[in-house]
């Protein structure tokens, strides 16, 4: 048991950057940098084969067989997994996700 390769889609990177820019615009550049660092560290932790998250409840993601993980209790990370790779597909504020 080890780690799998982590691939992060551009949409995910763009969303993390958008949130960081919002935080920075509020006058908190150090907090914005920490947010980005923490998010990418979290993505890397998903590579562990010991970690298995539940299938997403959001129907469009469920159909695509995405797994969902919570980040900082406010965000959802949607990803695909197989034995060799984790693909981070989406990163979204939990309350903005339709029911």
PDB file of N, CA and C in Angstrom:
ATOM      1  N   UNK A   1       0.841  -1.184   0.000  1.00  0.00           N
ATOM      2  CA  UNK A   1       0.000   0.000   0.000  1.00  0.00           C
ATOM      3  C   UNK A   1       0.880   1.238   0.000  1.00  0.00           C
ATOM      4  N   UNK A   2       0.541   2.154  -0.904  1.00  0.00           N
ATOM      5  CA  UNK A   2       1.323   3.367  -1.009  1.00  0.00           C
ATOM      6  C   UNK A   2       0.471   4.509  -1.486  1.00  0.00           C
ATOM      7  N   UNK A   3       1.115   5.374  -2.226  1.00  0.00           N
ATOM      8  CA  UNK A   3       0.420   6.534  -2.753  1.00  0.00           C
ATOM      9  C   UNK A   3       0.182   6.382  -4.240  1.00  0.00           C
ATOM     10  N   UNK A   4      -0.888   7.017  -4.668  1.00  0.00           N
ATOM     11  CA  UNK A   4      -1.209   7.039  -6.093  1.00  0.00           C
ATOM     12  C   UNK A   4      -0.860   8.407  -6.651  1.00  0.00           C
ATOM     13  N   UNK A   5      -0.730   8.475  -7.956  1.00  0.00           N
ATOM     14  CA  UNK A   5      -0.469   9.742  -8.630  1.00  0.00           C
ATOM     15  C   UNK A   5      -1.696  10.644  -8.471  1.00  0.00           C
ATOM     16  N   UNK A   6      -1.470  11.939  -8.273  1.00  0.00           N
ATOM     17  CA  UNK A   6      -2.564  12.900  -8.164  1.00  0.00           C
ATOM     18  C   UNK A   6      -2.545  13.810  -9.392  1.00  0.00           C
ATOM     19  N   UNK A   7      -3.672  13.856 -10.096  1.00  0.00           N
ATOM     20  CA  UNK A   7      -3.843  14.755 -11.241  1.00  0.00           C
ATOM     21  C   UNK A   7      -4.946  15.737 -10.866  1.00  0.00           C
ATOM     22  N   UNK A   8      -4.664  17.013 -11.074  1.00  0.00           N
ATOM     23  CA  UNK A   8      -5.630  18.057 -10.719  1.00  0.00           C
ATOM     24  C   UNK A   8      -6.069  18.753 -12.007  1.00  0.00           C
ATOM     25  N   UNK A   9      -7.353  18.708 -12.286  1.00  0.00           N
ATOM     26  CA  UNK A   9      -7.881  19.331 -13.501  1.00  0.00           C
ATOM     27  C   UNK A   9      -7.839  20.856 -13.398  1.00  0.00           C
ATOM     28  N   UNK A  10      -7.751  21.505 -14.551  1.00  0.00           N
ATOM     29  CA  UNK A  10      -7.654  22.965 -14.601  1.00  0.00           C
ATOM     30  C   UNK A  10      -8.825  23.658 -13.900  1.00  0.00           C
ATOM     31  N   UNK A  11     -10.018  23.102 -14.014  1.00  0.00           N
ATOM     32  CA  UNK A  11     -11.193  23.711 -13.369  1.00  0.00           C
ATOM     33  C   UNK A  11     -11.010  23.786 -11.856  1.00  0.00           C
ATOM     34  N   UNK A  12     -10.384  22.783 -11.287  1.00  0.00           N
ATOM     35  CA  UNK A  12     -10.136  22.764  -9.844  1.00  0.00           C
ATOM     36  C   UNK A  12      -9.107  23.820  -9.466  1.00  0.00           C
ATOM     37  N   UNK A  13      -8.032  23.890 -10.235  1.00  0.00           N
ATOM     38  CA  UNK A  13      -6.992  24.891  -9.976  1.00  0.00           C
ATOM     39  C   UNK A  13      -7.582  26.296 -10.091  1.00  0.00           C
ATOM     40  N   UNK A  14      -8.401  26.521 -11.098  1.00  0.00           N
ATOM     41  CA  UNK A  14      -9.034  27.830 -11.292  1.00  0.00           C
ATOM     42  C   UNK A  14      -9.925  28.198 -10.113  1.00  0.00           C
ATOM     43  N   UNK A  15     -10.670  27.237  -9.596  1.00  0.00           N
ATOM     44  CA  UNK A  15     -11.578  27.511  -8.473  1.00  0.00           C
ATOM     45  C   UNK A  15     -10.797  27.815  -7.198  1.00  0.00           C
ATOM     46  N   UNK A  16      -9.741  27.072  -6.930  1.00  0.00           N
ATOM     47  CA  UNK A  16      -8.900  27.352  -5.757  1.00  0.00           C
ATOM     48  C   UNK A  16      -8.298  28.752  -5.891  1.00  0.00           C
ATOM     49  N   UNK A  17      -7.832  29.099  -7.075  1.00  0.00           N
ATOM     50  CA  UNK A  17      -7.256  30.427  -7.310  1.00  0.00           C
ATOM     51  C   UNK A  17      -8.307  31.525  -7.132  1.00  0.00           C
ATOM     52  N   UNK A  18      -9.510  31.269  -7.622  1.00  0.00           N
ATOM     53  CA  UNK A  18     -10.588  32.266  -7.489  1.00  0.00           C
ATOM     54  C   UNK A  18     -10.892  32.549  -6.020  1.00  0.00           C
ATOM     55  N   UNK A  19     -10.951  31.503  -5.214  1.00  0.00           N
ATOM     56  CA  UNK A  19     -11.214  31.660  -3.779  1.00  0.00           C
ATOM     57  C   UNK A  19     -10.053  32.393  -3.111  1.00  0.00           C
ATOM     58  N   UNK A  20      -8.827  32.051  -3.495  1.00  0.00           N
ATOM     59  CA  UNK A  20      -7.652  32.714  -2.927  1.00  0.00           C
ATOM     60  C   UNK A  20      -7.639  34.204  -3.274  1.00  0.00           C
ATOM     61  N   UNK A  21      -8.003  34.544  -4.517  1.00  0.00           N
ATOM     62  CA  UNK A  21      -8.064  35.954  -4.912  1.00  0.00           C
ATOM     63  C   UNK A  21      -9.123  36.692  -4.102  1.00  0.00           C
ATOM     64  N   UNK A  22     -10.243  36.036  -3.838  1.00  0.00           N
ATOM     65  CA  UNK A  22     -11.294  36.635  -3.015  1.00  0.00           C
ATOM     66  C   UNK A  22     -10.770  36.918  -1.609  1.00  0.00           C
ATOM     67  N   UNK A  23     -10.076  35.953  -1.022  1.00  0.00           N
ATOM     68  CA  UNK A  23      -9.520  36.126   0.330  1.00  0.00           C
ATOM     69  C   UNK A  23      -8.490  37.253   0.329  1.00  0.00           C
ATOM     70  N   UNK A  24      -7.652  37.265  -0.687  1.00  0.00           N
ATOM     71  CA  UNK A  24      -6.626  38.299  -0.780  1.00  0.00           C
ATOM     72  C   UNK A  24      -7.238  39.687  -0.941  1.00  0.00           C
ATOM     73  N   UNK A  25      -8.336  39.777  -1.703  1.00  0.00           N
ATOM     74  CA  UNK A  25      -9.023  41.056  -1.913  1.00  0.00           C
ATOM     75  C   UNK A  25      -9.608  41.605  -0.612  1.00  0.00           C
ATOM     76  N   UNK A  26      -9.845  40.724   0.339  1.00  0.00           N
ATOM     77  CA  UNK A  26     -10.338  41.155   1.653  1.00  0.00           C
ATOM     78  C   UNK A  26      -9.201  41.656   2.538  1.00  0.00           C
ATOM     79  N   UNK A  27      -7.988  41.732   1.972  1.00  0.00           N
ATOM     80  CA  UNK A  27      -6.841  42.239   2.726  1.00  0.00           C
ATOM     81  C   UNK A  27      -6.109  41.175   3.515  1.00  0.00           C
ATOM     82  N   UNK A  28      -6.241  39.925   3.112  1.00  0.00           N
ATOM     83  CA  UNK A  28      -5.628  38.821   3.851  1.00  0.00           C
ATOM     84  C   UNK A  28      -4.719  37.988   2.940  1.00  0.00           C
ATOM     85  N   UNK A  29      -3.620  38.566   2.450  1.00  0.00           N
ATOM     86  CA  UNK A  29      -2.765  37.818   1.519  1.00  0.00           C
ATOM     87  C   UNK A  29      -2.104  36.587   2.143  1.00  0.00           C
ATOM     88  N   UNK A  30      -1.745  36.650   3.400  1.00  0.00           N
ATOM     89  CA  UNK A  30      -1.123  35.495   4.064  1.00  0.00           C
ATOM     90  C   UNK A  30      -2.136  34.363   4.207  1.00  0.00           C
ATOM     91  N   UNK A  31      -3.362  34.707   4.541  1.00  0.00           N
ATOM     92  CA  UNK A  31      -4.429  33.711   4.664  1.00  0.00           C
ATOM     93  C   UNK A  31      -4.730  33.082   3.303  1.00  0.00           C
ATOM     94  N   UNK A  32      -4.706  33.881   2.251  1.00  0.00           N
ATOM     95  CA  UNK A  32      -4.946  33.358   0.901  1.00  0.00           C
ATOM     96  C   UNK A  32      -3.866  32.352   0.518  1.00  0.00           C
ATOM     97  N   UNK A  33      -2.624  32.675   0.801  1.00  0.00           N
ATOM     98  CA  UNK A  33      -1.516  31.755   0.494  1.00  0.00           C
ATOM     99  C   UNK A  33      -1.656  30.470   1.296  1.00  0.00           C
ATOM    100  N   UNK A  34      -2.011  30.599   2.567  1.00  0.00           N
ATOM    101  CA  UNK A  34      -2.197  29.418   3.413  1.00  0.00           C
ATOM    102  C   UNK A  34      -3.348  28.546   2.898  1.00  0.00           C
ATOM    103  N   UNK A  35      -4.421  29.182   2.425  1.00  0.00           N
ATOM    104  CA  UNK A  35      -5.555  28.442   1.871  1.00  0.00           C
ATOM    105  C   UNK A  35      -5.105  27.585   0.688  1.00  0.00           C
ATOM    106  N   UNK A  36      -4.360  28.185  -0.230  1.00  0.00           N
ATOM    107  CA  UNK A  36      -3.882  27.455  -1.408  1.00  0.00           C
ATOM    108  C   UNK A  36      -2.970  26.305  -0.987  1.00  0.00           C
ATOM    109  N   UNK A  37      -2.026  26.588  -0.101  1.00  0.00           N
ATOM    110  CA  UNK A  37      -1.105  25.544   0.371  1.00  0.00           C
ATOM    111  C   UNK A  37      -1.861  24.392   1.022  1.00  0.00           C
ATOM    112  N   UNK A  38      -2.818  24.732   1.890  1.00  0.00           N
ATOM    113  CA  UNK A  38      -3.599  23.701   2.586  1.00  0.00           C
ATOM    114  C   UNK A  38      -4.436  22.871   1.611  1.00  0.00           C
ATOM    115  N   UNK A  39      -5.025  23.537   0.610  1.00  0.00           N
ATOM    116  CA  UNK A  39      -5.849  22.824  -0.370  1.00  0.00           C
ATOM    117  C   UNK A  39      -5.002  21.811  -1.138  1.00  0.00           C
ATOM    118  N   UNK A  40      -3.835  22.228  -1.600  1.00  0.00           N
ATOM    119  CA  UNK A  40      -3.006  21.306  -2.378  1.00  0.00           C
ATOM    120  C   UNK A  40      -2.394  20.203  -1.509  1.00  0.00           C
ATOM    121  N   UNK A  41      -2.125  20.497  -0.257  1.00  0.00           N
ATOM    122  CA  UNK A  41      -1.692  19.433   0.667  1.00  0.00           C
ATOM    123  C   UNK A  41      -2.813  18.417   0.868  1.00  0.00           C
ATOM    124  N   UNK A  42      -4.047  18.920   0.983  1.00  0.00           N
ATOM    125  CA  UNK A  42      -5.206  18.039   1.133  1.00  0.00           C
ATOM    126  C   UNK A  42      -5.367  17.160  -0.102  1.00  0.00           C
ATOM    127  N   UNK A  43      -5.224  17.740  -1.289  1.00  0.00           N
ATOM    128  CA  UNK A  43      -5.321  16.961  -2.524  1.00  0.00           C
ATOM    129  C   UNK A  43      -4.279  15.844  -2.521  1.00  0.00           C
ATOM    130  N   UNK A  44      -3.072  16.160  -2.071  1.00  0.00           N
ATOM    131  CA  UNK A  44      -2.010  15.163  -2.028  1.00  0.00           C
ATOM    132  C   UNK A  44      -2.341  14.030  -1.050  1.00  0.00           C
ATOM    133  N   UNK A  45      -2.983  14.363   0.066  1.00  0.00           N
ATOM    134  CA  UNK A  45      -3.355  13.338   1.050  1.00  0.00           C
ATOM    135  C   UNK A  45      -4.378  12.354   0.490  1.00  0.00           C
ATOM    136  N   UNK A  46      -5.162  12.783  -0.482  1.00  0.00           N
ATOM    137  CA  UNK A  46      -6.149  11.887  -1.092  1.00  0.00           C
ATOM    138  C   UNK A  46      -5.489  10.736  -1.840  1.00  0.00           C
ATOM    139  N   UNK A  47      -4.201  10.848  -2.117  1.00  0.00           N
ATOM    140  CA  UNK A  47      -3.497   9.806  -2.874  1.00  0.00           C
ATOM    141  C   UNK A  47      -3.277   8.533  -2.068  1.00  0.00           C
ATOM    142  N   UNK A  48      -3.439   8.603  -0.762  1.00  0.00           N
ATOM    143  CA  UNK A  48      -3.245   7.426   0.078  1.00  0.00           C
ATOM    144  C   UNK A  48      -4.294   6.362  -0.247  1.00  0.00           C
ATOM    145  N   UNK A  49      -3.835   5.155  -0.434  1.00  0.00           N
ATOM    146  CA  UNK A  49      -4.762   4.055  -0.724  1.00  0.00           C
ATOM    147  C   UNK A  49      -5.594   3.671   0.497  1.00  0.00           C
ATOM    148  N   UNK A  50      -5.185   4.128   1.667  1.00  0.00           N
ATOM    149  CA  UNK A  50      -5.921   3.827   2.897  1.00  0.00           C
ATOM    150  C   UNK A  50      -7.190   4.660   3.027  1.00  0.00           C
ATOM    151  N   UNK A  51      -7.230   5.774   2.310  1.00  0.00           N
ATOM    152  CA  UNK A  51      -8.366   6.685   2.404  1.00  0.00           C
ATOM    153  C   UNK A  51      -9.394   6.356   1.326  1.00  0.00           C
ATOM    154  N   UNK A  52     -10.635   6.130   1.753  1.00  0.00           N
ATOM    155  CA  UNK A  52     -11.739   5.894   0.815  1.00  0.00           C
ATOM    156  C   UNK A  52     -12.897   6.779   1.267  1.00  0.00           C
ATOM    157  N   UNK A  53     -13.337   7.659   0.385  1.00  0.00           N
ATOM    158  CA  UNK A  53     -14.458   8.535   0.704  1.00  0.00           C
ATOM    159  C   UNK A  53     -15.744   8.000   0.071  1.00  0.00           C
ATOM    160  N   UNK A  54     -16.838   8.499   0.557  1.00  0.00           N
ATOM    161  CA  UNK A  54     -18.146   8.075   0.076  1.00  0.00           C
ATOM    162  C   UNK A  54     -18.376   8.570  -1.350  1.00  0.00           C
ATOM    163  N   UNK A  55     -19.229   7.872  -2.091  1.00  0.00           N
ATOM    164  CA  UNK A  55     -19.631   8.399  -3.398  1.00  0.00           C
ATOM    165  C   UNK A  55     -20.384   9.718  -3.192  1.00  0.00           C
ATOM    166  N   UNK A  56     -20.272  10.621  -4.118  1.00  0.00           N
ATOM    167  CA  UNK A  56     -20.949  11.921  -4.015  1.00  0.00           C
ATOM    168  C   UNK A  56     -22.461  11.735  -4.041  1.00  0.00           C
ATOM    169  N   UNK A  57     -23.152  12.567  -3.274  1.00  0.00           N
ATOM    170  CA  UNK A  57     -24.615  12.525  -3.255  1.00  0.00           C
ATOM    171  C   UNK A  57     -25.222  13.381  -4.368  1.00  0.00           C
ATOM    172  N   UNK A  58     -24.468  14.366  -4.828  1.00  0.00           N
ATOM    173  CA  UNK A  58     -24.928  15.248  -5.901  1.00  0.00           C
ATOM    174  C   UNK A  58     -25.077  14.401  -7.169  1.00  0.00           C
ATOM    175  N   UNK A  59     -26.297  14.315  -7.686  1.00  0.00           N
ATOM    176  CA  UNK A  59     -26.634  13.366  -8.755  1.00  0.00           C
ATOM    177  C   UNK A  59     -25.718  13.418  -9.988  1.00  0.00           C
ATOM    178  N   UNK A  60     -25.419  14.603 -10.542  1.00  0.00           N
ATOM    179  CA  UNK A  60     -24.527  14.603 -11.715  1.00  0.00           C
ATOM    180  C   UNK A  60     -23.151  13.998 -11.416  1.00  0.00           C
ATOM    181  N   UNK A  61     -22.661  14.170 -10.192  1.00  0.00           N
ATOM    182  CA  UNK A  61     -21.367  13.591  -9.816  1.00  0.00           C
ATOM    183  C   UNK A  61     -21.507  12.108  -9.502  1.00  0.00           C
ATOM    184  N   UNK A  62     -22.634  11.721  -8.942  1.00  0.00           N
ATOM    185  CA  UNK A  62     -22.881  10.312  -8.638  1.00  0.00           C
ATOM    186  C   UNK A  62     -22.877   9.483  -9.919  1.00  0.00           C
ATOM    187  N   UNK A  63     -23.505  10.013 -10.961  1.00  0.00           N
ATOM    188  CA  UNK A  63     -23.561   9.336 -12.257  1.00  0.00           C
ATOM    189  C   UNK A  63     -22.149   9.157 -12.835  1.00  0.00           C
ATOM    190  N   UNK A  64     -21.272  10.112 -12.546  1.00  0.00           N
ATOM    191  CA  UNK A  64     -19.896  10.046 -13.048  1.00  0.00           C
ATOM    192  C   UNK A  64     -18.971   9.227 -12.138  1.00  0.00           C
ATOM    193  N   UNK A  65     -19.535   8.647 -11.078  1.00  0.00           N
ATOM    194  CA  UNK A  65     -18.775   7.838 -10.104  1.00  0.00           C
ATOM    195  C   UNK A  65     -17.725   8.633  -9.339  1.00  0.00           C
ATOM    196  N   UNK A  66     -17.993   9.913  -9.091  1.00  0.00           N
ATOM    197  CA  UNK A  66     -17.079  10.726  -8.301  1.00  0.00           C
ATOM    198  C   UNK A  66     -17.173  10.333  -6.833  1.00  0.00           C
ATOM    199  N   UNK A  67     -16.078  10.504  -6.147  1.00  0.00           N
ATOM    200  CA  UNK A  67     -16.032  10.401  -4.689  1.00  0.00           C
ATOM    201  C   UNK A  67     -15.946  11.826  -4.156  1.00  0.00           C
ATOM    202  N   UNK A  68     -16.470  12.052  -2.958  1.00  0.00           N
ATOM    203  CA  UNK A  68     -16.452  13.394  -2.381  1.00  0.00           C
ATOM    204  C   UNK A  68     -15.753  13.400  -1.036  1.00  0.00           C
ATOM    205  N   UNK A  69     -14.967  14.443  -0.824  1.00  0.00           N
ATOM    206  CA  UNK A  69     -14.276  14.645   0.444  1.00  0.00           C
ATOM    207  C   UNK A  69     -14.504  16.090   0.881  1.00  0.00           C
ATOM    208  N   UNK A  70     -14.675  16.295   2.163  1.00  0.00           N
ATOM    209  CA  UNK A  70     -14.853  17.647   2.686  1.00  0.00           C
ATOM    210  C   UNK A  70     -13.502  18.250   3.023  1.00  0.00           C
ATOM    211  N   UNK A  71     -13.348  19.529   2.649  1.00  0.00           N
ATOM    212  CA  UNK A  71     -12.153  20.291   2.979  1.00  0.00           C
ATOM    213  C   UNK A  71     -12.579  21.480   3.814  1.00  0.00           C
ATOM    214  N   UNK A  72     -12.040  21.584   5.013  1.00  0.00           N
ATOM    215  CA  UNK A  72     -12.346  22.677   5.948  1.00  0.00           C
ATOM    216  C   UNK A  72     -13.836  22.829   6.228  1.00  0.00           C
ATOM    217  N   UNK A  73     -14.585  21.796   6.177  1.00  0.00           N
ATOM    218  CA  UNK A  73     -16.015  21.756   6.482  1.00  0.00           C
ATOM    219  C   UNK A  73     -16.875  22.633   5.580  1.00  0.00           C
ATOM    220  N   UNK A  74     -16.268  23.415   4.680  1.00  0.00           N
ATOM    221  CA  UNK A  74     -17.022  24.340   3.835  1.00  0.00           C
ATOM    222  C   UNK A  74     -16.963  23.977   2.360  1.00  0.00           C
ATOM    223  N   UNK A  75     -15.973  23.206   1.974  1.00  0.00           N
ATOM    224  CA  UNK A  75     -15.747  22.918   0.565  1.00  0.00           C
ATOM    225  C   UNK A  75     -15.848  21.421   0.295  1.00  0.00           C
ATOM    226  N   UNK A  76     -16.217  21.095  -0.930  1.00  0.00           N
ATOM    227  CA  UNK A  76     -16.274  19.692  -1.347  1.00  0.00           C
ATOM    228  C   UNK A  76     -15.271  19.491  -2.478  1.00  0.00           C
ATOM    229  N   UNK A  77     -14.504  18.430  -2.352  1.00  0.00           N
ATOM    230  CA  UNK A  77     -13.570  18.023  -3.391  1.00  0.00           C
ATOM    231  C   UNK A  77     -14.161  16.772  -4.043  1.00  0.00           C
ATOM    232  N   UNK A  78     -14.423  16.851  -5.338  1.00  0.00           N
ATOM    233  CA  UNK A  78     -14.961  15.705  -6.077  1.00  0.00           C
ATOM    234  C   UNK A  78     -13.826  15.118  -6.915  1.00  0.00           C
ATOM    235  N   UNK A  79     -13.662  13.805  -6.811  1.00  0.00           N
ATOM    236  CA  UNK A  79     -12.551  13.178  -7.527  1.00  0.00           C
ATOM    237  C   UNK A  79     -12.905  11.781  -8.020  1.00  0.00           C
ATOM    238  N   UNK A  80     -12.147  11.348  -9.002  1.00  0.00           N
ATOM    239  CA  UNK A  80     -12.224   9.978  -9.504  1.00  0.00           C
ATOM    240  C   UNK A  80     -10.999   9.240  -8.999  1.00  0.00           C
ATOM    241  N   UNK A  81     -11.165   7.953  -8.750  1.00  0.00           N
ATOM    242  CA  UNK A  81     -10.021   7.193  -8.274  1.00  0.00           C
ATOM    243  C   UNK A  81      -9.933   5.854  -8.988  1.00  0.00           C
ATOM    244  N   UNK A  82      -8.702   5.382  -9.110  1.00  0.00           N
ATOM    245  CA  UNK A  82      -8.449   4.010  -9.509  1.00  0.00           C
ATOM    246  C   UNK A  82      -7.199   3.555  -8.762  1.00  0.00           C
ATOM    247  N   UNK A  83      -6.701   2.399  -9.062  1.00  0.00           N
ATOM    248  CA  UNK A  83      -5.597   1.851  -8.272  1.00  0.00           C
ATOM    249  C   UNK A  83      -4.287   2.616  -8.430  1.00  0.00           C
ATOM    250  N   UNK A  84      -4.148   3.386  -9.517  1.00  0.00           N
ATOM    251  CA  UNK A  84      -2.886   4.068  -9.762  1.00  0.00           C
ATOM    252  C   UNK A  84      -2.958   5.585  -9.714  1.00  0.00           C
ATOM    253  N   UNK A  85      -4.181   6.141  -9.739  1.00  0.00           N
ATOM    254  CA  UNK A  85      -4.300   7.586  -9.880  1.00  0.00           C
ATOM    255  C   UNK A  85      -5.561   8.129  -9.231  1.00  0.00           C
ATOM    256  N   UNK A  86      -5.445   9.353  -8.732  1.00  0.00           N
ATOM    257  CA  UNK A  86      -6.575  10.140  -8.234  1.00  0.00           C
ATOM    258  C   UNK A  86      -6.676  11.347  -9.167  1.00  0.00           C
ATOM    259  N   UNK A  87      -7.875  11.620  -9.679  1.00  0.00           N
ATOM    260  CA  UNK A  87      -8.082  12.786 -10.537  1.00  0.00           C
ATOM    261  C   UNK A  87      -9.031  13.736  -9.809  1.00  0.00           C
ATOM    262  N   UNK A  88      -8.509  14.874  -9.383  1.00  0.00           N
ATOM    263  CA  UNK A  88      -9.324  15.875  -8.694  1.00  0.00           C
ATOM    264  C   UNK A  88     -10.094  16.627  -9.771  1.00  0.00           C
ATOM    265  N   UNK A  89     -11.409  16.461  -9.783  1.00  0.00           N
ATOM    266  CA  UNK A  89     -12.246  16.996 -10.859  1.00  0.00           C
ATOM    267  C   UNK A  89     -12.920  18.317 -10.522  1.00  0.00           C
ATOM    268  N   UNK A  90     -13.270  18.521  -9.256  1.00  0.00           N
ATOM    269  CA  UNK A  90     -14.002  19.731  -8.903  1.00  0.00           C
ATOM    270  C   UNK A  90     -13.738  20.110  -7.459  1.00  0.00           C
ATOM    271  N   UNK A  91     -13.853  21.393  -7.192  1.00  0.00           N
ATOM    272  CA  UNK A  91     -13.671  21.966  -5.859  1.00  0.00           C
ATOM    273  C   UNK A  91     -14.711  23.061  -5.740  1.00  0.00           C
ATOM    274  N   UNK A  92     -15.626  22.923  -4.793  1.00  0.00           N
ATOM    275  CA  UNK A  92     -16.757  23.856  -4.750  1.00  0.00           C
ATOM    276  C   UNK A  92     -17.157  24.142  -3.304  1.00  0.00           C
ATOM    277  N   UNK A  93     -17.649  25.340  -3.093  1.00  0.00           N
ATOM    278  CA  UNK A  93     -18.206  25.710  -1.804  1.00  0.00           C
ATOM    279  C   UNK A  93     -19.456  24.863  -1.572  1.00  0.00           C
ATOM    280  N   UNK A  94     -19.514  24.197  -0.461  1.00  0.00           N
ATOM    281  CA  UNK A  94     -20.593  23.230  -0.196  1.00  0.00           C
ATOM    282  C   UNK A  94     -21.969  23.854  -0.301  1.00  0.00           C
ATOM    283  N   UNK A  95     -22.157  25.050   0.221  1.00  0.00           N
ATOM    284  CA  UNK A  95     -23.497  25.642   0.207  1.00  0.00           C
ATOM    285  C   UNK A  95     -23.916  26.130  -1.176  1.00  0.00           C
ATOM    286  N   UNK A  96     -22.994  26.207  -2.127  1.00  0.00           N
ATOM    287  CA  UNK A  96     -23.374  26.613  -3.481  1.00  0.00           C
ATOM    288  C   UNK A  96     -23.751  25.416  -4.357  1.00  0.00           C
ATOM    289  N   UNK A  97     -23.603  24.211  -3.819  1.00  0.00           N
ATOM    290  CA  UNK A  97     -23.969  23.001  -4.556  1.00  0.00           C
ATOM    291  C   UNK A  97     -25.478  22.785  -4.448  1.00  0.00           C
ATOM    292  N   UNK A  98     -26.160  22.641  -5.581  1.00  0.00           N
ATOM    293  CA  UNK A  98     -27.613  22.408  -5.518  1.00  0.00           C
ATOM    294  C   UNK A  98     -27.934  21.105  -4.774  1.00  0.00           C
ATOM    295  N   UNK A  99     -29.050  21.072  -4.130  1.00  0.00           N
ATOM    296  CA  UNK A  99     -29.460  19.877  -3.372  1.00  0.00           C
ATOM    297  C   UNK A  99     -29.787  18.751  -4.268  1.00  0.00           C
TER     298      UNK A  99
END
